[in-house]
Amino acid sequence: MARPDPLQSALDAAWFSTLGEPLGAGELTDIETYTLALGLPLNAPPLPVQSWQQAAEVLRGETGEWWALEEAERARLEQTVRLDPAAPAWIRVNDRLHGAAAVAAARGGCSDAAMIKVAAGASSYATYHYHLAMAAECGPDHAFIRKYALFSGGRWPLGIYAGRFAIF
C-alpha cells in the first residue's frame, strides 16, 4: 500500500475550521500522545483558547522546553531525510495555509496580519514536520504526526505554555 502524500493531505485538510470549539476525545488523545512522545507528560488539562486575541496573549509567553525538543527532533530527522521546501508543491501548500488562516481570522473577527502570518507559518512548519516524519517512516504515535493531526483537523496547537498544552 502506498504511503499517503503529505503535501496532498495538506491541501485537503480542514485547516483552522474548528478554532475555539470544545475539544473532542480524539483531540485529547492526540495531545496526550504528542506530549508523551516529546517526553513531556502534562500534569494539567489542556488550555482551550477561545479567540485570536487570547491566542496572541498565549503566544507571548515563554515556550519552555517543548520548542527545544521539537527542534532537536526536527534536526534528528533531517539527518536522514532531505526535503525540498522550495518545491512547487510546497508553494501551493503554503498559499493554501495562508488563505485558510486569513479566512479563519476574518470569521473570528481578527484583522491582525501578523497573527494570520503566525498561524499560517505554524501550520506550514507542522506540515514540514509531518512530511519529515512520514519520509522517515516514523510510527503513528510520533509527536509530529500527532501535532499534524490536530492542525489538519482544524485546530491550532499553540504549544506548551506554563505547563499546559494550549490549543485554539
C-alpha atoms as a PDB file:
ATOM      1  CA  MET A   1       0.000   0.000   0.000  1.00  0.00           C
ATOM      2  CA  ALA A   2       1.368   3.386  -0.972  1.00  0.00           C
ATOM      3  CA  ARG A   3       2.114   5.963   1.687  1.00  0.00           C
ATOM      4  CA  PRO A   4      -0.186   8.989   1.653  1.00  0.00           C
ATOM      5  CA  ASP A   5       1.326  12.070   0.051  1.00  0.00           C
ATOM      6  CA  PRO A   6       1.843  14.528   2.947  1.00  0.00           C
ATOM      7  CA  LEU A   7       1.598  17.550   0.687  1.00  0.00           C
ATOM      8  CA  GLN A   8      -1.647  16.396  -0.911  1.00  0.00           C
ATOM      9  CA  SER A   9      -3.104  15.702   2.517  1.00  0.00           C
ATOM     10  CA  ALA A  10      -2.190  19.277   3.487  1.00  0.00           C
ATOM     11  CA  LEU A  11      -4.131  20.626   0.522  1.00  0.00           C
ATOM     12  CA  ASP A  12      -7.169  18.565   1.512  1.00  0.00           C
ATOM     13  CA  ALA A  13      -7.156  19.284   5.275  1.00  0.00           C
ATOM     14  CA  ALA A  14      -9.709  21.327   7.229  1.00  0.00           C
ATOM     15  CA  TRP A  15      -7.208  23.956   8.393  1.00  0.00           C
ATOM     16  CA  PHE A  16      -8.397  26.273  11.186  1.00  0.00           C
ATOM     17  CA  SER A  17     -12.027  25.142  10.819  1.00  0.00           C
ATOM     18  CA  THR A  18     -12.661  24.193  14.475  1.00  0.00           C
ATOM     19  CA  LEU A  19     -10.888  27.001  16.320  1.00  0.00           C
ATOM     20  CA  GLY A  20     -12.377  27.673  19.741  1.00  0.00           C
ATOM     21  CA  GLU A  21     -14.741  24.683  19.704  1.00  0.00           C
ATOM     22  CA  PRO A  22     -14.777  22.180  22.587  1.00  0.00           C
ATOM     23  CA  LEU A  23     -12.080  19.520  22.421  1.00  0.00           C
ATOM     24  CA  GLY A  24     -13.126  16.023  21.444  1.00  0.00           C
ATOM     25  CA  ALA A  25     -11.815  12.727  22.808  1.00  0.00           C
ATOM     26  CA  GLY A  26      -9.651  12.149  19.723  1.00  0.00           C
ATOM     27  CA  GLU A  27      -8.024  15.554  20.107  1.00  0.00           C
ATOM     28  CA  LEU A  28      -7.325  14.906  23.780  1.00  0.00           C
ATOM     29  CA  THR A  29      -5.679  11.613  22.788  1.00  0.00           C
ATOM     30  CA  ASP A  30      -3.592  13.397  20.135  1.00  0.00           C
ATOM     31  CA  ILE A  31      -2.456  15.959  22.728  1.00  0.00           C
ATOM     32  CA  GLU A  32      -1.519  13.272  25.236  1.00  0.00           C
ATOM     33  CA  THR A  33       0.320  11.205  22.620  1.00  0.00           C
ATOM     34  CA  TYR A  34       2.169  14.276  21.330  1.00  0.00           C
ATOM     35  CA  THR A  35       3.365  15.363  24.774  1.00  0.00           C
ATOM     36  CA  LEU A  36       4.370  11.843  25.808  1.00  0.00           C
ATOM     37  CA  ALA A  37       6.284  11.397  22.542  1.00  0.00           C
ATOM     38  CA  LEU A  38       8.267  14.532  23.384  1.00  0.00           C
ATOM     39  CA  GLY A  39       8.855  13.241  26.906  1.00  0.00           C
ATOM     40  CA  LEU A  40       6.701  15.962  28.457  1.00  0.00           C
ATOM     41  CA  PRO A  41       3.745  14.363  30.225  1.00  0.00           C
ATOM     42  CA  LEU A  42       1.350  17.086  31.304  1.00  0.00           C
ATOM     43  CA  ASN A  43       0.148  17.493  34.861  1.00  0.00           C
ATOM     44  CA  ALA A  44      -2.665  19.850  33.914  1.00  0.00           C
ATOM     45  CA  PRO A  45      -5.520  19.691  31.409  1.00  0.00           C
ATOM     46  CA  PRO A  46      -5.085  21.407  28.031  1.00  0.00           C
ATOM     47  CA  LEU A  47      -5.753  25.126  27.838  1.00  0.00           C
ATOM     48  CA  PRO A  48      -8.559  25.645  25.305  1.00  0.00           C
ATOM     49  CA  VAL A  49      -8.027  29.018  23.622  1.00  0.00           C
ATOM     50  CA  GLN A  50     -11.248  30.750  22.596  1.00  0.00           C
ATOM     51  CA  SER A  51     -10.189  33.710  20.445  1.00  0.00           C
ATOM     52  CA  TRP A  52      -7.473  35.111  18.228  1.00  0.00           C
ATOM     53  CA  GLN A  53      -6.751  37.731  20.907  1.00  0.00           C
ATOM     54  CA  GLN A  54      -6.292  35.032  23.553  1.00  0.00           C
ATOM     55  CA  ALA A  55      -4.056  33.085  21.139  1.00  0.00           C
ATOM     56  CA  ALA A  56      -1.857  36.174  20.726  1.00  0.00           C
ATOM     57  CA  GLU A  57      -1.606  36.539  24.509  1.00  0.00           C
ATOM     58  CA  VAL A  58      -0.635  32.869  24.939  1.00  0.00           C
ATOM     59  CA  LEU A  59       1.983  33.093  22.188  1.00  0.00           C
ATOM     60  CA  ARG A  60       3.711  35.941  24.041  1.00  0.00           C
ATOM     61  CA  GLY A  61       4.515  33.518  26.887  1.00  0.00           C
ATOM     62  CA  GLU A  62       7.693  31.541  27.441  1.00  0.00           C
ATOM     63  CA  THR A  63       7.835  28.452  25.254  1.00  0.00           C
ATOM     64  CA  GLY A  64       9.908  26.452  27.676  1.00  0.00           C
ATOM     65  CA  GLU A  65      11.288  23.054  26.841  1.00  0.00           C
ATOM     66  CA  TRP A  66       8.805  21.790  24.224  1.00  0.00           C
ATOM     67  CA  TRP A  67      10.106  24.036  21.448  1.00  0.00           C
ATOM     68  CA  ALA A  68      13.699  22.890  22.000  1.00  0.00           C
ATOM     69  CA  LEU A  69      12.552  19.261  21.997  1.00  0.00           C
ATOM     70  CA  GLU A  70      10.678  19.728  18.713  1.00  0.00           C
ATOM     71  CA  GLU A  71      13.689  21.422  17.152  1.00  0.00           C
ATOM     72  CA  ALA A  72      16.001  18.606  18.285  1.00  0.00           C
ATOM     73  CA  GLU A  73      13.638  16.047  16.744  1.00  0.00           C
ATOM     74  CA  ARG A  74      13.460  18.044  13.500  1.00  0.00           C
ATOM     75  CA  ALA A  75      17.256  18.157  13.328  1.00  0.00           C
ATOM     76  CA  ARG A  76      17.467  14.425  14.052  1.00  0.00           C
ATOM     77  CA  LEU A  77      15.056  13.580  11.237  1.00  0.00           C
ATOM     78  CA  GLU A  78      16.800  15.947   8.832  1.00  0.00           C
ATOM     79  CA  GLN A  79      19.990  13.916   9.270  1.00  0.00           C
ATOM     80  CA  THR A  80      18.350  11.042   7.411  1.00  0.00           C
ATOM     81  CA  VAL A  81      15.655  12.733   5.311  1.00  0.00           C
ATOM     82  CA  ARG A  82      16.034  15.616   2.887  1.00  0.00           C
ATOM     83  CA  LEU A  83      13.037  17.598   1.699  1.00  0.00           C
ATOM     84  CA  ASP A  84      12.896  20.456  -0.772  1.00  0.00           C
ATOM     85  CA  PRO A  85      10.804  23.210   0.842  1.00  0.00           C
ATOM     86  CA  ALA A  86      11.164  25.277  -2.349  1.00  0.00           C
ATOM     87  CA  ALA A  87       9.370  22.668  -4.480  1.00  0.00           C
ATOM     88  CA  PRO A  88       6.278  23.950  -6.320  1.00  0.00           C
ATOM     89  CA  ALA A  89       4.046  21.656  -4.241  1.00  0.00           C
ATOM     90  CA  TRP A  90       5.237  23.414  -1.052  1.00  0.00           C
ATOM     91  CA  ILE A  91       4.375  26.787  -2.527  1.00  0.00           C
ATOM     92  CA  ARG A  92       0.815  25.579  -3.246  1.00  0.00           C
ATOM     93  CA  VAL A  93       0.554  24.226   0.302  1.00  0.00           C
ATOM     94  CA  ASN A  94       1.776  27.487   1.833  1.00  0.00           C
ATOM     95  CA  ASP A  95      -0.653  29.505  -0.279  1.00  0.00           C
ATOM     96  CA  ARG A  96      -3.481  27.236   0.922  1.00  0.00           C
ATOM     97  CA  LEU A  97      -2.398  27.568   4.566  1.00  0.00           C
ATOM     98  CA  HIS A  98      -2.189  31.344   4.406  1.00  0.00           C
ATOM     99  CA  GLY A  99      -5.609  31.521   2.763  1.00  0.00           C
ATOM    100  CA  ALA A 100      -7.139  29.226   5.386  1.00  0.00           C
ATOM    101  CA  ALA A 101      -5.625  31.278   8.209  1.00  0.00           C
ATOM    102  CA  ALA A 102      -6.912  34.519   6.682  1.00  0.00           C
ATOM    103  CA  VAL A 103     -10.435  33.130   6.302  1.00  0.00           C
ATOM    104  CA  ALA A 104     -10.458  31.778   9.861  1.00  0.00           C
ATOM    105  CA  ALA A 105      -9.168  35.071  11.227  1.00  0.00           C
ATOM    106  CA  ALA A 106     -11.843  37.019   9.373  1.00  0.00           C
ATOM    107  CA  ARG A 107     -14.521  34.648  10.726  1.00  0.00           C
ATOM    108  CA  GLY A 108     -13.116  35.220  14.215  1.00  0.00           C
ATOM    109  CA  GLY A 109     -13.079  38.998  13.898  1.00  0.00           C
ATOM    110  CA  CYS A 110      -9.285  39.225  13.653  1.00  0.00           C
ATOM    111  CA  SER A 111      -7.682  41.537  11.106  1.00  0.00           C
ATOM    112  CA  ASP A 112      -4.160  41.323  12.544  1.00  0.00           C
ATOM    113  CA  ALA A 113      -1.932  40.460   9.568  1.00  0.00           C
ATOM    114  CA  ALA A 114       0.880  39.349  11.879  1.00  0.00           C
ATOM    115  CA  MET A 115      -1.360  36.807  13.630  1.00  0.00           C
ATOM    116  CA  ILE A 116      -2.516  35.465  10.268  1.00  0.00           C
ATOM    117  CA  LYS A 117       1.123  35.012   9.243  1.00  0.00           C
ATOM    118  CA  VAL A 118       1.943  33.348  12.567  1.00  0.00           C
ATOM    119  CA  ALA A 119      -0.950  30.897  12.152  1.00  0.00           C
ATOM    120  CA  ALA A 120      -0.026  30.122   8.539  1.00  0.00           C
ATOM    121  CA  GLY A 121       3.640  29.734   9.470  1.00  0.00           C
ATOM    122  CA  ALA A 122       2.870  27.406  12.359  1.00  0.00           C
ATOM    123  CA  SER A 123       0.717  25.203  10.139  1.00  0.00           C
ATOM    124  CA  SER A 124       3.397  25.215   7.436  1.00  0.00           C
ATOM    125  CA  TYR A 125       6.034  24.155   9.949  1.00  0.00           C
ATOM    126  CA  ALA A 126       3.756  21.400  11.270  1.00  0.00           C
ATOM    127  CA  THR A 127       3.247  20.187   7.694  1.00  0.00           C
ATOM    128  CA  TYR A 128       7.009  20.169   7.153  1.00  0.00           C
ATOM    129  CA  HIS A 129       7.478  18.210  10.399  1.00  0.00           C
ATOM    130  CA  TYR A 130       4.778  15.755   9.338  1.00  0.00           C
ATOM    131  CA  HIS A 131       6.398  15.322   5.941  1.00  0.00           C
ATOM    132  CA  LEU A 132       9.747  14.625   7.652  1.00  0.00           C
ATOM    133  CA  ALA A 133       8.189  12.065   9.993  1.00  0.00           C
ATOM    134  CA  MET A 134       6.394  10.327   7.128  1.00  0.00           C
ATOM    135  CA  ALA A 135       9.522  10.250   4.958  1.00  0.00           C
ATOM    136  CA  ALA A 136      11.493   8.823   7.889  1.00  0.00           C
ATOM    137  CA  GLU A 137       8.740   6.205   8.330  1.00  0.00           C
ATOM    138  CA  CYS A 138       8.027   7.164  11.920  1.00  0.00           C
ATOM    139  CA  GLY A 139       5.092   5.444  13.546  1.00  0.00           C
ATOM    140  CA  PRO A 140       1.616   6.904  14.079  1.00  0.00           C
ATOM    141  CA  ASP A 141       2.440   7.938  17.652  1.00  0.00           C
ATOM    142  CA  HIS A 142       5.303  10.202  16.604  1.00  0.00           C
ATOM    143  CA  ALA A 143       4.942  13.721  18.035  1.00  0.00           C
ATOM    144  CA  PHE A 144       4.969  15.381  14.605  1.00  0.00           C
ATOM    145  CA  ILE A 145       2.267  13.082  13.256  1.00  0.00           C
ATOM    146  CA  ARG A 146       0.010  13.734  16.256  1.00  0.00           C
ATOM    147  CA  LYS A 147       0.553  17.507  16.073  1.00  0.00           C
ATOM    148  CA  TYR A 148      -0.252  17.476  12.369  1.00  0.00           C
ATOM    149  CA  ALA A 149      -3.446  15.531  13.116  1.00  0.00           C
ATOM    150  CA  LEU A 150      -4.550  18.391  15.360  1.00  0.00           C
ATOM    151  CA  PHE A 151      -3.704  21.030  12.762  1.00  0.00           C
ATOM    152  CA  SER A 152      -5.202  19.208   9.800  1.00  0.00           C
ATOM    153  CA  GLY A 153      -8.334  18.520  11.828  1.00  0.00           C
ATOM    154  CA  GLY A 154      -8.990  22.235  12.119  1.00  0.00           C
ATOM    155  CA  ARG A 155      -7.138  23.183  15.312  1.00  0.00           C
ATOM    156  CA  TRP A 156      -4.159  25.396  16.007  1.00  0.00           C
ATOM    157  CA  PRO A 157      -1.954  23.727  18.627  1.00  0.00           C
ATOM    158  CA  LEU A 158      -0.114  26.709  20.087  1.00  0.00           C
ATOM    159  CA  GLY A 159       2.326  24.737  22.233  1.00  0.00           C
ATOM    160  CA  ILE A 160       3.046  24.169  25.873  1.00  0.00           C
ATOM    161  CA  TYR A 161       2.957  27.308  27.999  1.00  0.00           C
ATOM    162  CA  ALA A 162       3.170  27.343  31.793  1.00  0.00           C
ATOM    163  CA  GLY A 163       2.887  23.560  31.824  1.00  0.00           C
ATOM    164  CA  ARG A 164      -0.321  23.445  29.784  1.00  0.00           C
ATOM    165  CA  PHE A 165      -0.877  22.472  26.197  1.00  0.00           C
ATOM    166  CA  ALA A 166      -2.568  25.495  24.637  1.00  0.00           C
ATOM    167  CA  ILE A 167      -4.827  24.778  21.685  1.00  0.00           C
ATOM    168  CA  PHE A 168      -7.090  27.064  19.685  1.00  0.00           C
END
